[in-house]
Each structure stands twice: as structure tokens, then as C-alpha cells.
Amino acid sequence: MSKLISNNLREEIAKELGVYDTVKNDGGSWANVSSKDCGNIVKKAIEIANRAVEK
């Protein structure tokens, strides 16, 4: 996932979705973030990109 979106954007979206605490508690590792949560992060990133293109 890190190659698809920037680390900053990924972290901001994870914070917004309430997932970042898992990463923070695991010392920065994304290994314990569920597939569903990762999918939601990517979905949100796509929504943000689509909004930027529409402007």
C-alpha cells in the first residue's frame, strides 16, 4: 500500500478512520492492520484523488 499513496496521506486517513492507533501501538508497523481497514484507506485515498481531479 505504501507505494500507492504517500506515507503522510496514508497516516492522515488512518487517523481519520481510527486505525492509526493500531499502527502506533505496533511501533509503526502496518502488519496488524486488517485487510478491510487497508481497503478503506485506499478507498478514501481514491475519493480524495477523484475530488482533486474534478476541481
C-alpha atoms as a PDB file:
ATOM      1  CA  MET A   1       0.000   0.000   0.000  1.00  0.00           C
ATOM      2  CA  SER A   2       2.845   2.430   0.719  1.00  0.00           C
ATOM      3  CA  LYS A   3       3.737   2.662  -2.972  1.00  0.00           C
ATOM      4  CA  LEU A   4       0.203   3.680  -3.931  1.00  0.00           C
ATOM      5  CA  ILE A   5      -0.147   6.684  -1.633  1.00  0.00           C
ATOM      6  CA  SER A   6       2.286   8.821   0.337  1.00  0.00           C
ATOM      7  CA  ASN A   7       3.041   7.910   3.928  1.00  0.00           C
ATOM      8  CA  ASN A   8       1.656  11.242   5.113  1.00  0.00           C
ATOM      9  CA  LEU A   9      -1.659  10.764   3.324  1.00  0.00           C
ATOM     10  CA  ARG A  10      -1.910   7.160   4.482  1.00  0.00           C
ATOM     11  CA  GLU A  11      -1.301   8.181   8.093  1.00  0.00           C
ATOM     12  CA  GLU A  12      -3.793  11.058   7.936  1.00  0.00           C
ATOM     13  CA  ILE A  13      -6.503   8.811   6.512  1.00  0.00           C
ATOM     14  CA  ALA A  14      -5.711   6.106   9.081  1.00  0.00           C
ATOM     15  CA  LYS A  15      -6.088   8.689  11.846  1.00  0.00           C
ATOM     16  CA  GLU A  16      -9.388   9.860  10.363  1.00  0.00           C
ATOM     17  CA  LEU A  17     -10.675   6.288  10.209  1.00  0.00           C
ATOM     18  CA  GLY A  18      -9.429   5.436  13.714  1.00  0.00           C
ATOM     19  CA  VAL A  19      -6.912   2.863  12.519  1.00  0.00           C
ATOM     20  CA  TYR A  20      -3.673   4.682  13.271  1.00  0.00           C
ATOM     21  CA  ASP A  21      -3.618   3.680  16.952  1.00  0.00           C
ATOM     22  CA  THR A  22      -3.019   0.084  15.855  1.00  0.00           C
ATOM     23  CA  VAL A  23      -0.005   1.188  13.811  1.00  0.00           C
ATOM     24  CA  LYS A  24       1.279   3.432  16.600  1.00  0.00           C
ATOM     25  CA  ASN A  25       0.921   0.667  19.204  1.00  0.00           C
ATOM     26  CA  ASP A  26       2.849  -1.732  16.942  1.00  0.00           C
ATOM     27  CA  GLY A  27       5.835   0.602  16.642  1.00  0.00           C
ATOM     28  CA  GLY A  28       4.900   1.899  13.190  1.00  0.00           C
ATOM     29  CA  SER A  29       4.181  -1.498  11.649  1.00  0.00           C
ATOM     30  CA  TRP A  30       1.129  -1.839   9.427  1.00  0.00           C
ATOM     31  CA  ALA A  31       1.208  -5.649   9.685  1.00  0.00           C
ATOM     32  CA  ASN A  32      -1.681  -5.865  12.154  1.00  0.00           C
ATOM     33  CA  VAL A  33      -3.998  -3.520  10.268  1.00  0.00           C
ATOM     34  CA  SER A  34      -6.802  -5.611   8.806  1.00  0.00           C
ATOM     35  CA  SER A  35      -7.316  -6.033   5.076  1.00  0.00           C
ATOM     36  CA  LYS A  36     -10.681  -4.342   5.454  1.00  0.00           C
ATOM     37  CA  ASP A  37      -9.110  -1.294   7.095  1.00  0.00           C
ATOM     38  CA  CYS A  38      -6.374  -1.144   4.449  1.00  0.00           C
ATOM     39  CA  GLY A  39      -9.078  -1.295   1.783  1.00  0.00           C
ATOM     40  CA  ASN A  40     -10.934   1.551   3.471  1.00  0.00           C
ATOM     41  CA  ILE A  41      -7.744   3.633   3.487  1.00  0.00           C
ATOM     42  CA  VAL A  42      -7.246   3.039  -0.239  1.00  0.00           C
ATOM     43  CA  LYS A  43     -10.921   3.774  -0.936  1.00  0.00           C
ATOM     44  CA  LYS A  44     -10.657   7.086   0.922  1.00  0.00           C
ATOM     45  CA  ALA A  45      -7.448   7.975  -0.953  1.00  0.00           C
ATOM     46  CA  ILE A  46      -9.215   7.324  -4.262  1.00  0.00           C
ATOM     47  CA  GLU A  47     -12.121   9.549  -3.182  1.00  0.00           C
ATOM     48  CA  ILE A  48      -9.653  12.333  -2.337  1.00  0.00           C
ATOM     49  CA  ALA A  49      -7.902  11.919  -5.697  1.00  0.00           C
ATOM     50  CA  ASN A  50     -11.193  11.979  -7.573  1.00  0.00           C
ATOM     51  CA  ARG A  51     -12.238  15.194  -5.826  1.00  0.00           C
ATOM     52  CA  ALA A  52      -8.904  16.778  -6.737  1.00  0.00           C
ATOM     53  CA  VAL A  53      -9.339  15.816 -10.399  1.00  0.00           C
ATOM     54  CA  GLU A  54     -12.884  17.191 -10.506  1.00  0.00           C
ATOM     55  CA  LYS A  55     -11.673  20.619  -9.340  1.00  0.00           C
END
